[in-house]
N, C-alpha and C. Protein backbone atom coordinates (compact mmCIF):
# COMPACT_ATOMS: atom_id res chain seq x y z
N MET A 1 -39.10 46.15 39.28
CA MET A 1 -39.62 46.73 38.18
C MET A 1 -38.36 46.75 37.64
N GLU A 2 -37.94 46.89 36.40
CA GLU A 2 -37.20 46.88 35.08
C GLU A 2 -37.17 47.82 34.85
N ARG A 3 -35.89 48.20 34.86
CA ARG A 3 -34.54 49.28 34.35
C ARG A 3 -35.16 49.90 32.91
N PRO A 4 -35.11 51.01 32.46
CA PRO A 4 -34.73 51.64 31.62
C PRO A 4 -33.83 51.36 30.42
N ALA A 5 -34.65 50.85 28.92
CA ALA A 5 -33.00 50.60 28.23
C ALA A 5 -32.14 51.36 28.21
N ARG A 6 -32.08 52.78 28.57
CA ARG A 6 -31.57 53.73 28.64
C ARG A 6 -30.35 53.90 29.82
N ALA A 7 -30.64 52.75 30.78
CA ALA A 7 -29.77 53.20 32.02
C ALA A 7 -27.98 52.68 31.44
N ALA A 8 -27.67 54.17 32.21
CA ALA A 8 -25.73 53.89 32.16
C ALA A 8 -25.30 52.97 32.72
N THR A 9 -24.30 51.84 32.22
CA THR A 9 -23.79 50.58 33.47
C THR A 9 -22.84 51.41 33.89
N VAL A 10 -22.41 50.97 35.40
CA VAL A 10 -21.85 51.79 36.39
C VAL A 10 -21.02 50.54 37.23
N LEU A 11 -19.15 50.83 36.85
CA LEU A 11 -18.27 49.92 37.64
C LEU A 11 -17.63 50.98 38.65
N ILE A 12 -18.40 50.52 39.88
CA ILE A 12 -17.67 51.18 41.15
C ILE A 12 -16.18 50.83 41.55
N VAL A 13 -15.45 51.46 41.80
CA VAL A 13 -13.85 50.76 42.19
C VAL A 13 -13.19 51.24 43.20
N ASP A 14 -13.20 50.66 44.41
CA ASP A 14 -12.96 51.59 45.81
C ASP A 14 -12.79 50.36 47.08
N ASP A 15 -11.75 50.36 47.61
CA ASP A 15 -10.62 49.73 48.50
C ASP A 15 -11.71 49.91 50.10
N HIS A 16 -13.17 50.56 50.23
CA HIS A 16 -13.53 50.97 51.12
C HIS A 16 -14.76 49.81 50.97
N THR A 17 -14.96 48.94 51.65
CA THR A 17 -15.89 48.02 51.33
C THR A 17 -17.61 48.71 51.56
N LEU A 18 -17.60 49.21 53.12
CA LEU A 18 -18.87 49.80 53.44
C LEU A 18 -18.94 51.25 52.46
N PHE A 19 -18.13 51.85 52.17
CA PHE A 19 -18.25 52.75 51.35
C PHE A 19 -19.23 52.46 49.51
N ARG A 20 -18.34 51.57 49.28
CA ARG A 20 -18.43 50.95 47.86
C ARG A 20 -20.09 50.36 48.16
N GLN A 21 -20.14 49.80 48.66
CA GLN A 21 -21.71 49.10 48.93
C GLN A 21 -22.60 50.05 49.51
N GLY A 22 -22.27 51.04 50.51
CA GLY A 22 -23.54 52.10 50.10
C GLY A 22 -23.83 53.02 48.63
N LEU A 23 -22.77 52.80 47.96
CA LEU A 23 -22.79 53.26 46.81
C LEU A 23 -23.74 52.76 45.50
N GLU A 24 -23.46 51.36 45.82
CA GLU A 24 -24.40 50.37 45.46
C GLU A 24 -25.45 50.68 45.53
N SER A 25 -26.04 50.93 46.78
CA SER A 25 -27.22 50.68 47.35
C SER A 25 -28.17 52.83 46.57
N LEU A 26 -27.71 53.36 46.96
CA LEU A 26 -27.66 54.31 46.36
C LEU A 26 -28.13 54.97 44.81
N ILE A 27 -27.41 53.77 44.21
CA ILE A 27 -27.27 53.66 42.52
C ILE A 27 -28.69 53.12 42.38
N ALA A 28 -28.69 51.84 43.41
CA ALA A 28 -30.15 51.22 42.84
C ALA A 28 -31.12 51.93 42.56
N ARG A 29 -31.46 52.95 43.49
CA ARG A 29 -32.38 53.65 43.39
C ARG A 29 -33.10 54.82 42.07
N TRP A 30 -31.57 54.48 41.82
CA TRP A 30 -31.65 55.75 40.16
C TRP A 30 -31.84 54.87 39.16
N ASP A 31 -32.93 55.47 38.26
CA ASP A 31 -33.80 54.50 37.22
C ASP A 31 -32.51 54.89 35.83
N ASP A 32 -32.30 55.28 35.89
CA ASP A 32 -30.90 55.60 35.02
C ASP A 32 -29.47 55.58 34.73
N PHE A 33 -29.54 54.94 35.81
CA PHE A 33 -27.72 54.27 36.51
C PHE A 33 -28.00 52.67 37.03
N GLU A 34 -27.43 51.76 36.12
CA GLU A 34 -27.05 50.84 36.96
C GLU A 34 -25.71 49.92 37.43
N VAL A 35 -24.95 49.41 38.55
CA VAL A 35 -24.44 48.73 38.82
C VAL A 35 -24.15 47.21 38.44
N VAL A 36 -23.03 47.55 37.53
CA VAL A 36 -22.98 46.23 36.68
C VAL A 36 -21.64 45.35 37.46
N GLY A 37 -20.56 45.95 37.86
CA GLY A 37 -19.69 45.82 38.94
C GLY A 37 -19.24 46.65 39.97
N SER A 38 -18.44 45.49 41.07
CA SER A 38 -18.07 46.48 41.80
C SER A 38 -16.79 45.84 42.99
N VAL A 39 -15.54 46.69 42.47
CA VAL A 39 -14.39 46.25 43.00
C VAL A 39 -13.59 46.69 43.79
N GLY A 40 -12.52 45.97 45.10
CA GLY A 40 -11.83 46.68 45.88
C GLY A 40 -10.39 47.41 45.65
N SER A 41 -9.65 47.27 44.54
CA SER A 41 -8.67 47.26 43.76
C SER A 41 -8.63 47.99 42.35
N GLY A 42 -7.51 48.81 42.08
CA GLY A 42 -7.42 49.31 41.25
C GLY A 42 -7.56 48.66 40.23
N ARG A 43 -6.11 47.74 40.63
CA ARG A 43 -5.84 46.27 39.32
C ARG A 43 -7.20 45.36 39.09
N GLU A 44 -8.43 45.52 39.73
CA GLU A 44 -9.26 44.81 39.32
C GLU A 44 -10.53 45.94 38.70
N GLY A 45 -9.84 46.84 39.01
CA GLY A 45 -11.05 47.57 38.27
C GLY A 45 -10.46 48.06 37.01
N ILE A 46 -9.14 47.91 36.73
CA ILE A 46 -8.53 47.86 34.75
C ILE A 46 -9.45 46.72 34.52
N ARG A 47 -9.07 45.65 35.43
CA ARG A 47 -9.19 43.98 34.55
C ARG A 47 -10.87 44.28 34.38
N GLU A 48 -12.14 44.41 35.49
CA GLU A 48 -13.33 44.55 35.01
C GLU A 48 -13.68 45.41 33.95
N ALA A 49 -13.19 46.78 34.03
CA ALA A 49 -13.20 47.66 32.76
C ALA A 49 -13.09 46.93 31.65
N ARG A 50 -12.12 46.50 31.28
CA ARG A 50 -12.24 45.80 29.96
C ARG A 50 -13.23 44.76 30.02
N ARG A 51 -13.42 43.74 31.11
CA ARG A 51 -14.25 43.04 30.48
C ARG A 51 -16.30 43.26 30.56
N LEU A 52 -15.99 44.47 31.93
CA LEU A 52 -17.82 44.37 30.98
C LEU A 52 -18.06 45.27 30.33
N GLU A 53 -17.16 46.50 30.31
CA GLU A 53 -17.37 47.56 29.55
C GLU A 53 -18.24 48.67 29.94
N PRO A 54 -18.23 49.22 30.80
CA PRO A 54 -19.62 49.68 31.57
C PRO A 54 -19.34 51.00 30.81
N ASP A 55 -19.99 51.95 30.98
CA ASP A 55 -20.34 53.53 30.16
C ASP A 55 -20.12 54.03 31.18
N LEU A 56 -19.80 54.30 32.51
CA LEU A 56 -18.98 54.90 33.69
C LEU A 56 -18.17 54.25 34.81
N ILE A 57 -17.35 55.21 35.33
CA ILE A 57 -16.72 54.36 36.26
C ILE A 57 -16.26 55.43 37.52
N LEU A 58 -16.85 54.88 38.50
CA LEU A 58 -16.50 56.06 39.88
C LEU A 58 -15.46 55.00 40.44
N MET A 59 -13.99 56.17 40.22
CA MET A 59 -13.02 55.37 40.87
C MET A 59 -12.23 56.32 41.80
N ASP A 60 -12.17 55.70 42.94
CA ASP A 60 -11.62 56.01 44.19
C ASP A 60 -9.69 56.47 44.14
N VAL A 61 -9.97 57.38 44.37
CA VAL A 61 -8.39 58.16 44.28
C VAL A 61 -6.99 57.12 44.68
N ARG A 62 -7.40 57.58 46.25
CA ARG A 62 -6.12 56.61 46.51
C ARG A 62 -6.49 55.50 47.18
N MET A 63 -5.90 54.12 46.36
CA MET A 63 -5.60 53.38 46.65
C MET A 63 -4.70 52.26 46.69
N GLU A 64 -3.84 50.60 47.45
CA GLU A 64 -3.09 50.87 47.83
C GLU A 64 -2.06 49.98 46.35
N ASP A 65 -2.92 48.96 45.68
CA ASP A 65 -1.89 48.26 45.01
C ASP A 65 -1.90 49.11 43.20
N VAL A 66 -2.98 49.57 43.16
CA VAL A 66 -2.58 50.59 41.68
C VAL A 66 -4.27 51.81 42.01
N ASP A 67 -3.17 52.67 42.22
CA ASP A 67 -4.01 53.78 42.92
C ASP A 67 -5.02 54.19 41.53
N GLY A 68 -6.06 55.45 42.23
CA GLY A 68 -6.90 55.84 40.97
C GLY A 68 -6.48 56.13 40.02
N ILE A 69 -5.50 57.26 39.98
CA ILE A 69 -4.70 58.20 38.52
C ILE A 69 -4.07 56.99 37.82
N GLU A 70 -3.88 56.12 37.98
CA GLU A 70 -2.57 54.87 36.97
C GLU A 70 -4.41 54.28 36.62
N ALA A 71 -4.89 53.65 37.61
CA ALA A 71 -5.67 52.80 36.86
C ALA A 71 -7.12 53.45 35.68
N THR A 72 -6.93 54.91 35.56
CA THR A 72 -7.80 55.36 34.91
C THR A 72 -6.80 55.91 34.16
N ARG A 73 -5.26 55.89 34.04
CA ARG A 73 -4.60 56.03 32.85
C ARG A 73 -4.62 54.91 32.36
N ARG A 74 -4.58 53.87 32.77
CA ARG A 74 -4.69 52.75 31.85
C ARG A 74 -6.13 52.12 31.30
N ILE A 75 -6.91 52.57 31.87
CA ILE A 75 -8.48 52.44 31.33
C ILE A 75 -8.68 53.25 30.13
N CYS A 76 -8.58 54.73 30.13
CA CYS A 76 -8.87 55.04 29.41
C CYS A 76 -7.89 55.65 27.84
N ALA A 77 -6.38 54.51 28.31
CA ALA A 77 -5.49 54.29 27.29
C ALA A 77 -6.23 53.74 26.18
N ARG A 78 -7.42 52.73 26.68
CA ARG A 78 -7.81 51.43 26.15
C ARG A 78 -8.53 51.65 25.32
N ASP A 79 -9.87 52.26 26.64
CA ASP A 79 -11.58 52.75 25.87
C ASP A 79 -11.58 54.16 26.47
N ARG A 80 -11.37 54.73 24.94
CA ARG A 80 -11.77 56.19 25.08
C ARG A 80 -13.11 56.76 24.98
N ARG A 81 -14.13 55.91 25.05
CA ARG A 81 -15.42 56.14 25.45
C ARG A 81 -15.86 56.09 26.82
N VAL A 82 -15.17 55.00 27.90
CA VAL A 82 -15.48 55.05 28.99
C VAL A 82 -15.06 56.47 29.52
N ARG A 83 -16.39 56.78 30.72
CA ARG A 83 -16.21 58.29 31.25
C ARG A 83 -16.18 57.34 32.74
N VAL A 84 -14.38 57.97 33.53
CA VAL A 84 -14.49 57.82 35.03
C VAL A 84 -14.67 59.37 35.44
N VAL A 85 -15.57 59.09 36.65
CA VAL A 85 -15.29 59.96 37.75
C VAL A 85 -14.64 59.78 39.58
N MET A 86 -13.69 60.35 39.29
CA MET A 86 -12.73 60.16 40.87
C MET A 86 -13.66 60.78 41.62
N LEU A 87 -13.35 60.20 43.13
CA LEU A 87 -13.97 60.17 44.26
C LEU A 87 -12.86 59.82 45.34
N THR A 88 -12.83 61.34 46.63
CA THR A 88 -11.57 61.44 46.93
C THR A 88 -12.32 62.24 48.07
N VAL A 89 -11.49 62.45 49.80
CA VAL A 89 -11.52 62.12 50.68
C VAL A 89 -10.90 63.36 50.72
N SER A 90 -9.83 63.34 49.63
CA SER A 90 -8.79 64.48 50.19
C SER A 90 -8.55 65.99 49.15
N GLY A 91 -9.49 66.18 48.09
CA GLY A 91 -9.47 67.32 47.26
C GLY A 91 -8.04 68.18 47.03
N LEU A 92 -6.90 67.05 47.01
CA LEU A 92 -5.28 67.25 47.14
C LEU A 92 -5.35 67.62 45.47
N GLY A 93 -4.95 69.09 45.28
CA GLY A 93 -4.70 69.61 43.65
C GLY A 93 -3.83 68.54 42.63
N GLU A 94 -2.70 68.57 43.31
CA GLU A 94 -2.27 67.76 41.84
C GLU A 94 -2.94 66.26 41.74
N ASP A 95 -3.49 65.59 43.00
CA ASP A 95 -4.57 64.32 42.15
C ASP A 95 -5.42 64.98 41.44
N LEU A 96 -5.95 65.97 41.18
CA LEU A 96 -7.12 66.80 40.51
C LEU A 96 -6.32 66.96 39.47
N PHE A 97 -5.27 67.85 39.01
CA PHE A 97 -4.90 68.13 37.72
C PHE A 97 -4.38 67.05 37.08
N GLN A 98 -4.02 65.49 37.83
CA GLN A 98 -3.21 64.45 37.35
C GLN A 98 -4.36 63.57 36.98
N ALA A 99 -5.92 63.95 37.37
CA ALA A 99 -6.67 63.31 37.19
C ALA A 99 -7.42 63.17 35.75
N LEU A 100 -7.35 64.75 35.84
CA LEU A 100 -7.84 65.74 34.40
C LEU A 100 -7.06 64.86 33.19
N ARG A 101 -5.80 65.42 33.42
CA ARG A 101 -5.08 64.90 32.22
C ARG A 101 -4.84 63.57 31.71
N VAL A 102 -4.90 62.67 32.73
CA VAL A 102 -5.19 61.10 32.38
C VAL A 102 -6.48 60.84 31.77
N GLY A 103 -7.28 61.62 31.68
CA GLY A 103 -8.54 61.34 30.75
C GLY A 103 -10.15 61.25 31.93
N ALA A 104 -9.95 62.01 33.24
CA ALA A 104 -10.77 61.60 33.95
C ALA A 104 -12.47 62.71 33.72
N TRP A 105 -13.36 62.87 33.63
CA TRP A 105 -14.48 63.48 33.35
C TRP A 105 -14.69 64.39 34.33
N GLY A 106 -14.58 63.85 35.56
CA GLY A 106 -14.95 64.56 37.07
C GLY A 106 -14.35 63.97 37.91
N TYR A 107 -13.94 65.47 39.40
CA TYR A 107 -13.53 64.78 40.31
C TYR A 107 -14.44 65.33 41.95
N LEU A 108 -14.89 64.96 42.41
CA LEU A 108 -16.15 64.55 43.35
C LEU A 108 -15.67 64.62 44.79
N GLY A 109 -15.98 65.06 45.80
CA GLY A 109 -15.62 64.40 47.16
C GLY A 109 -16.79 63.56 47.24
N LYS A 110 -16.36 62.40 48.12
CA LYS A 110 -17.25 61.13 48.67
C LYS A 110 -17.95 62.42 49.76
N ASP A 111 -18.17 63.66 50.02
CA ASP A 111 -19.24 63.41 51.20
C ASP A 111 -20.17 64.67 50.04
N GLU A 112 -19.89 64.43 48.87
CA GLU A 112 -21.44 65.01 48.04
C GLU A 112 -22.33 64.40 48.39
N PRO A 113 -23.93 65.26 48.09
CA PRO A 113 -25.37 65.28 48.88
C PRO A 113 -24.98 64.10 47.52
N ALA A 114 -26.03 63.18 48.20
CA ALA A 114 -26.98 61.76 47.02
C ALA A 114 -27.49 62.91 45.58
N GLU A 115 -28.61 63.59 45.78
CA GLU A 115 -29.06 64.57 44.56
C GLU A 115 -27.86 65.23 43.80
N ARG A 116 -26.69 65.62 44.42
CA ARG A 116 -25.87 66.53 43.76
C ARG A 116 -25.33 65.58 42.72
N LEU A 117 -25.01 64.09 43.76
CA LEU A 117 -24.07 62.97 42.66
C LEU A 117 -24.61 62.65 41.83
N HIS A 118 -25.81 62.46 41.77
CA HIS A 118 -26.78 62.20 40.75
C HIS A 118 -27.02 63.20 40.11
N ALA A 119 -26.90 64.62 39.83
CA ALA A 119 -26.84 65.29 38.76
C ALA A 119 -25.35 65.45 38.35
N ASN A 120 -24.60 65.33 38.98
CA ASN A 120 -23.06 65.72 38.29
C ASN A 120 -22.75 64.30 37.20
N LEU A 121 -23.19 63.12 37.67
CA LEU A 121 -23.44 61.91 37.14
C LEU A 121 -24.23 61.53 35.76
N GLN A 122 -25.30 62.70 35.55
CA GLN A 122 -26.29 62.82 34.49
C GLN A 122 -25.51 63.79 33.29
N GLY A 123 -25.06 65.00 34.64
CA GLY A 123 -24.21 65.53 33.45
C GLY A 123 -23.15 65.06 32.79
N VAL A 124 -21.81 63.82 33.40
CA VAL A 124 -21.09 63.06 33.04
C VAL A 124 -21.91 62.56 31.15
N MET A 125 -22.61 62.01 31.77
CA MET A 125 -23.14 61.15 30.83
C MET A 125 -23.72 62.10 29.69
N ARG A 126 -23.89 63.16 29.48
CA ARG A 126 -24.39 64.37 28.75
C ARG A 126 -23.20 64.99 28.21
N GLY A 127 -21.96 64.89 29.04
CA GLY A 127 -20.58 65.41 28.06
C GLY A 127 -20.20 65.94 28.63
N GLU A 128 -20.78 66.36 29.62
CA GLU A 128 -20.61 67.61 30.76
C GLU A 128 -18.88 67.17 31.51
N THR A 129 -18.00 68.14 31.96
CA THR A 129 -16.72 67.38 32.66
C THR A 129 -17.63 68.13 34.14
N VAL A 130 -17.09 67.24 35.46
CA VAL A 130 -17.77 68.10 36.18
C VAL A 130 -16.51 68.11 37.55
N LEU A 131 -16.77 69.14 38.26
CA LEU A 131 -16.10 69.62 39.25
C LEU A 131 -16.44 69.98 40.58
N SER A 132 -16.82 69.56 42.01
CA SER A 132 -16.87 70.13 43.01
C SER A 132 -16.40 71.13 44.15
N SER A 133 -17.13 72.38 43.90
CA SER A 133 -16.50 73.22 44.70
C SER A 133 -15.32 73.47 45.64
N ALA A 134 -15.58 72.18 46.30
CA ALA A 134 -14.32 72.21 47.61
C ALA A 134 -13.09 71.58 47.12
N ALA A 135 -13.22 70.65 45.59
CA ALA A 135 -11.80 70.15 44.99
C ALA A 135 -11.43 71.38 44.44
N ALA A 136 -11.73 72.09 43.69
CA ALA A 136 -11.81 73.40 42.94
C ALA A 136 -10.78 74.10 43.84
N ASN A 137 -11.55 74.17 45.33
CA ASN A 137 -10.83 75.53 46.22
C ASN A 137 -9.53 74.75 46.98
N MET A 138 -9.76 73.49 47.36
CA MET A 138 -8.77 73.07 48.10
C MET A 138 -7.78 72.53 46.82
N ALA A 139 -7.78 72.48 45.68
CA ALA A 139 -6.68 72.08 44.79
C ALA A 139 -5.48 73.69 44.36
N LEU A 140 -7.08 74.40 44.62
CA LEU A 140 -6.20 76.27 44.41
C LEU A 140 -5.47 76.29 45.30
N GLY A 141 -5.60 75.73 46.88
CA GLY A 141 -4.68 75.95 47.70
C GLY A 141 -3.51 75.46 47.94
N GLU A 142 -4.00 74.17 47.58
CA GLU A 142 -2.48 73.59 47.79
C GLU A 142 -1.05 73.74 46.80
N LEU A 143 -1.94 74.49 45.47
CA LEU A 143 -1.27 74.74 44.17
C LEU A 143 -0.38 76.14 44.56
N GLY A 144 -0.78 77.21 45.59
CA GLY A 144 -0.70 78.36 45.68
C GLY A 144 -1.26 79.05 45.03
N LEU A 145 -2.36 78.75 44.38
CA LEU A 145 -3.14 80.00 43.04
C LEU A 145 -4.15 80.98 43.94
N ARG A 146 -4.27 80.93 44.63
CA ARG A 146 -4.79 82.13 45.32
C ARG A 146 -4.05 83.26 45.97
N SER A 147 -3.96 84.47 45.02
CA SER A 147 -3.28 85.93 45.61
C SER A 147 -4.50 86.68 45.05
N PRO A 148 -3.65 87.76 46.34
CA PRO A 148 -4.20 89.38 46.25
C PRO A 148 -4.57 89.55 44.82
N HIS A 149 -5.62 90.23 44.07
CA HIS A 149 -5.71 90.63 43.27
C HIS A 149 -6.30 92.45 42.75
N ASP A 150 -5.88 92.85 42.15
CA ASP A 150 -6.43 94.04 42.00
C ASP A 150 -7.93 93.98 41.58
N PRO A 151 -8.88 94.51 42.29
CA PRO A 151 -10.76 93.90 41.04
C PRO A 151 -10.91 94.81 40.68
N ARG A 152 -9.78 96.04 40.12
CA ARG A 152 -10.38 96.90 38.86
C ARG A 152 -9.94 96.32 37.29
N GLN A 153 -8.83 95.39 37.88
CA GLN A 153 -8.14 94.72 36.76
C GLN A 153 -9.01 93.02 36.49
N ALA A 154 -9.53 92.51 37.29
CA ALA A 154 -10.22 91.45 37.74
C ALA A 154 -10.94 90.97 35.98
N PRO A 155 -10.95 90.10 35.28
CA PRO A 155 -11.31 89.42 34.78
C PRO A 155 -13.07 89.67 34.17
N SER A 156 -13.28 89.74 35.47
CA SER A 156 -14.78 89.64 35.37
C SER A 156 -15.36 90.82 35.01
N ALA A 157 -14.73 92.35 34.92
CA ALA A 157 -15.12 93.06 34.01
C ALA A 157 -16.56 93.25 33.15
N ASN A 158 -15.46 92.70 32.00
CA ASN A 158 -16.41 92.26 30.59
C ASN A 158 -17.53 91.38 30.80
N LEU A 159 -17.81 90.38 32.01
CA LEU A 159 -18.75 89.24 32.20
C LEU A 159 -20.35 90.23 32.67
N THR A 160 -21.09 89.68 31.76
CA THR A 160 -22.41 90.28 32.20
C THR A 160 -22.99 90.04 33.69
N SER A 161 -24.03 90.61 34.41
CA SER A 161 -24.59 89.98 35.75
C SER A 161 -25.12 88.29 35.42
N ARG A 162 -25.54 88.47 34.71
CA ARG A 162 -26.00 86.87 34.14
C ARG A 162 -24.94 86.14 34.23
N GLU A 163 -24.48 86.20 33.30
CA GLU A 163 -22.98 85.30 33.24
C GLU A 163 -22.27 85.15 34.56
N LYS A 164 -22.16 85.80 35.30
CA LYS A 164 -21.45 85.50 36.87
C LYS A 164 -22.77 85.03 37.74
N ASP A 165 -24.19 85.32 37.24
CA ASP A 165 -24.95 84.22 37.84
C ASP A 165 -24.95 83.04 37.67
N VAL A 166 -24.55 82.66 36.62
CA VAL A 166 -24.27 81.12 35.82
C VAL A 166 -22.93 80.75 36.53
N LEU A 167 -21.65 81.28 36.51
CA LEU A 167 -20.64 81.12 37.14
C LEU A 167 -20.87 80.88 38.65
N THR A 168 -21.47 81.45 39.13
CA THR A 168 -21.69 81.15 41.04
C THR A 168 -22.33 79.92 40.81
N LEU A 169 -23.17 79.63 40.55
CA LEU A 169 -23.87 77.85 40.48
C LEU A 169 -23.30 77.15 40.16
N LEU A 170 -22.30 77.73 38.88
CA LEU A 170 -21.28 76.42 38.30
C LEU A 170 -20.23 75.88 39.29
N VAL A 171 -19.76 77.31 39.75
CA VAL A 171 -18.54 77.03 41.07
C VAL A 171 -19.61 76.21 42.28
N ASP A 172 -20.39 75.81 42.47
CA ASP A 172 -21.01 75.51 43.25
C ASP A 172 -21.76 73.63 43.45
N GLY A 173 -20.60 73.54 41.82
CA GLY A 173 -21.29 72.33 41.45
C GLY A 173 -22.28 71.63 40.66
N LEU A 174 -23.72 73.09 40.30
CA LEU A 174 -24.34 72.93 39.99
C LEU A 174 -24.37 72.05 38.21
N SER A 175 -25.31 71.18 37.68
CA SER A 175 -25.41 71.45 36.36
C SER A 175 -25.80 72.22 35.68
N ASN A 176 -26.23 71.98 34.23
CA ASN A 176 -26.68 72.92 33.85
C ASN A 176 -28.08 73.57 33.61
N GLU A 177 -28.88 72.04 33.82
CA GLU A 177 -30.17 71.90 34.21
C GLU A 177 -30.39 72.58 35.30
N GLU A 178 -29.88 71.96 36.94
CA GLU A 178 -30.01 73.17 37.54
C GLU A 178 -29.81 74.43 38.07
N ILE A 179 -29.01 75.13 37.54
CA ILE A 179 -28.62 76.02 36.87
C ILE A 179 -29.74 77.09 36.05
N ALA A 180 -30.21 76.14 35.44
CA ALA A 180 -31.31 76.81 34.26
C ALA A 180 -32.33 76.69 35.14
N ASP A 181 -32.79 75.56 36.09
CA ASP A 181 -33.68 75.73 37.04
C ASP A 181 -33.67 77.02 38.14
N ALA A 182 -32.77 77.34 38.81
CA ALA A 182 -32.20 78.17 39.62
C ALA A 182 -32.41 79.43 39.19
N LEU A 183 -32.41 79.58 38.14
CA LEU A 183 -32.01 81.33 37.33
C LEU A 183 -33.10 81.32 36.62
N HIS A 184 -34.50 80.10 36.74
CA HIS A 184 -35.51 79.81 35.70
C HIS A 184 -34.87 80.89 34.45
N VAL A 185 -34.65 79.73 33.22
CA VAL A 185 -34.33 80.12 32.53
C VAL A 185 -34.46 78.22 31.63
N SER A 186 -34.10 78.49 30.48
CA SER A 186 -33.85 76.89 29.14
C SER A 186 -32.18 76.69 29.82
N GLU A 187 -32.16 75.48 29.62
CA GLU A 187 -30.76 75.00 29.72
C GLU A 187 -30.00 75.24 28.88
N ALA A 188 -30.85 75.38 27.50
CA ALA A 188 -30.35 75.94 26.21
C ALA A 188 -29.04 77.50 26.48
N THR A 189 -30.58 78.33 27.07
CA THR A 189 -29.73 79.86 27.65
C THR A 189 -28.69 79.46 28.55
N VAL A 190 -28.56 78.71 29.19
CA VAL A 190 -27.19 78.38 30.38
C VAL A 190 -26.31 78.16 29.24
N LYS A 191 -26.60 77.52 28.15
CA LYS A 191 -25.23 76.56 27.74
C LYS A 191 -24.54 78.05 26.75
N LYS A 192 -26.09 79.11 26.51
CA LYS A 192 -25.20 79.77 25.49
C LYS A 192 -24.07 81.03 26.10
N HIS A 193 -24.68 81.30 27.91
CA HIS A 193 -24.14 82.09 28.52
C HIS A 193 -22.59 81.57 28.94
N LEU A 194 -22.47 80.14 28.90
CA LEU A 194 -21.47 79.25 29.33
C LEU A 194 -20.61 79.56 28.56
N GLY A 195 -21.01 79.61 27.10
CA GLY A 195 -20.08 79.53 25.72
C GLY A 195 -19.79 80.93 25.97
N SER A 196 -20.69 81.79 26.30
CA SER A 196 -19.47 83.30 26.32
C SER A 196 -18.86 83.60 26.96
N VAL A 197 -19.00 82.92 28.45
CA VAL A 197 -17.91 83.30 29.49
C VAL A 197 -16.70 82.80 28.38
N MET A 198 -16.87 81.65 28.39
CA MET A 198 -15.22 80.48 27.79
C MET A 198 -14.39 81.33 26.64
N VAL A 199 -15.45 82.57 25.90
CA VAL A 199 -15.15 82.82 24.99
C VAL A 199 -14.19 83.95 25.19
N LYS A 200 -14.80 84.72 26.26
CA LYS A 200 -14.59 85.81 26.92
C LYS A 200 -13.28 85.69 27.59
N LEU A 201 -12.82 84.27 28.63
CA LEU A 201 -12.16 84.44 29.01
C LEU A 201 -10.88 83.13 28.13
N HIS A 202 -11.53 83.02 27.37
CA HIS A 202 -10.09 82.15 26.28
C HIS A 202 -9.76 81.04 26.90
N LEU A 203 -11.28 79.90 27.23
CA LEU A 203 -10.84 78.93 27.87
C LEU A 203 -11.65 77.52 27.37
N LYS A 204 -11.53 76.66 27.40
CA LYS A 204 -11.83 75.50 26.78
C LYS A 204 -13.45 74.75 27.45
N ASN A 205 -13.26 74.93 28.81
CA ASN A 205 -14.15 73.81 28.90
C ASN A 205 -14.66 74.30 30.43
N ARG A 206 -15.99 73.78 31.27
CA ARG A 206 -16.33 73.88 32.35
C ARG A 206 -15.86 74.68 33.33
N VAL A 207 -14.82 73.26 33.55
CA VAL A 207 -13.69 73.00 34.49
C VAL A 207 -12.38 74.01 34.94
N GLN A 208 -12.64 74.38 33.55
CA GLN A 208 -11.66 76.11 32.94
C GLN A 208 -12.25 76.97 33.96
N VAL A 209 -13.39 77.27 33.40
CA VAL A 209 -14.05 78.03 33.71
C VAL A 209 -13.96 78.13 35.25
N ALA A 210 -14.45 76.87 36.16
CA ALA A 210 -14.47 76.81 37.00
C ALA A 210 -13.58 77.87 38.20
N VAL A 211 -12.26 76.79 37.81
CA VAL A 211 -10.98 77.15 38.45
C VAL A 211 -10.67 78.46 38.38
N ARG A 212 -10.55 78.88 37.07
CA ARG A 212 -10.20 80.57 36.74
C ARG A 212 -11.50 81.09 37.45
N ALA A 213 -12.64 80.48 37.66
CA ALA A 213 -13.46 81.87 38.89
C ALA A 213 -12.48 81.90 39.98
N LEU A 214 -12.73 80.86 40.19
CA LEU A 214 -12.18 80.82 41.62
C LEU A 214 -10.68 81.26 42.22
N ARG A 215 -10.09 81.10 40.81
CA ARG A 215 -8.44 81.60 41.20
C ARG A 215 -8.53 83.12 41.06
N ASP A 216 -9.21 83.51 40.02
CA ASP A 216 -9.15 85.12 39.99
C ASP A 216 -10.16 85.87 40.65
N GLY A 217 -10.73 85.34 41.71
CA GLY A 217 -11.67 86.15 42.20
C GLY A 217 -12.65 86.03 41.69
N ILE A 218 -13.25 86.00 40.30
CA ILE A 218 -14.98 86.08 40.05
C ILE A 218 -15.60 85.44 40.23
N VAL A 219 -15.67 84.84 41.10
CA VAL A 219 -16.81 84.56 42.28
C VAL A 219 -16.42 83.91 43.50
N ASP A 220 -17.05 83.74 44.71
CA ASP A 220 -16.43 83.67 45.93
C ASP A 220 -16.68 82.09 46.78
């Protein structure tokens, strides 16, 4: 069966052969993504990104020759159109923030369920930045951002109950579409609630919202 014209092209960059092959097999089952390249090093990833010009790159964080952070920096500096999603087993906070600084659109664990990974990648192609809840929690722990706080002074005081519901699902890693399904509302309504949250918390994107929600105890 031919893939639809809308399929996003994907380059996989990971030095673990079995994991890379598993991703290729998984993505082959999706009609909206197509693997056009698969390499085992950051250096090869930089070269193939230039040659193939994929829509999306799934990038391992830790590789021996050129690590995923540096490879992402070089790729994004050359092509701001490409969307890079980091895949990691570590969840280290410094890696997370460095990845976002150099241009990554997402930071997900390699243990992400297949359905959730698919939904997150669809979100990235719609222009969303995605961050797994596990990565956010580990990052906050590594950076020492968790601290006791007075719940009477929590920033959640100005949020409505529905905005908190949306935040809880966002932190769990759900896309806007999945949040809408879970709450039985439209995706436009979810975007409206997220926009309101960003205004109230003085934030710019969903990653900042997720990190702030976890850091300040707005959600568990």
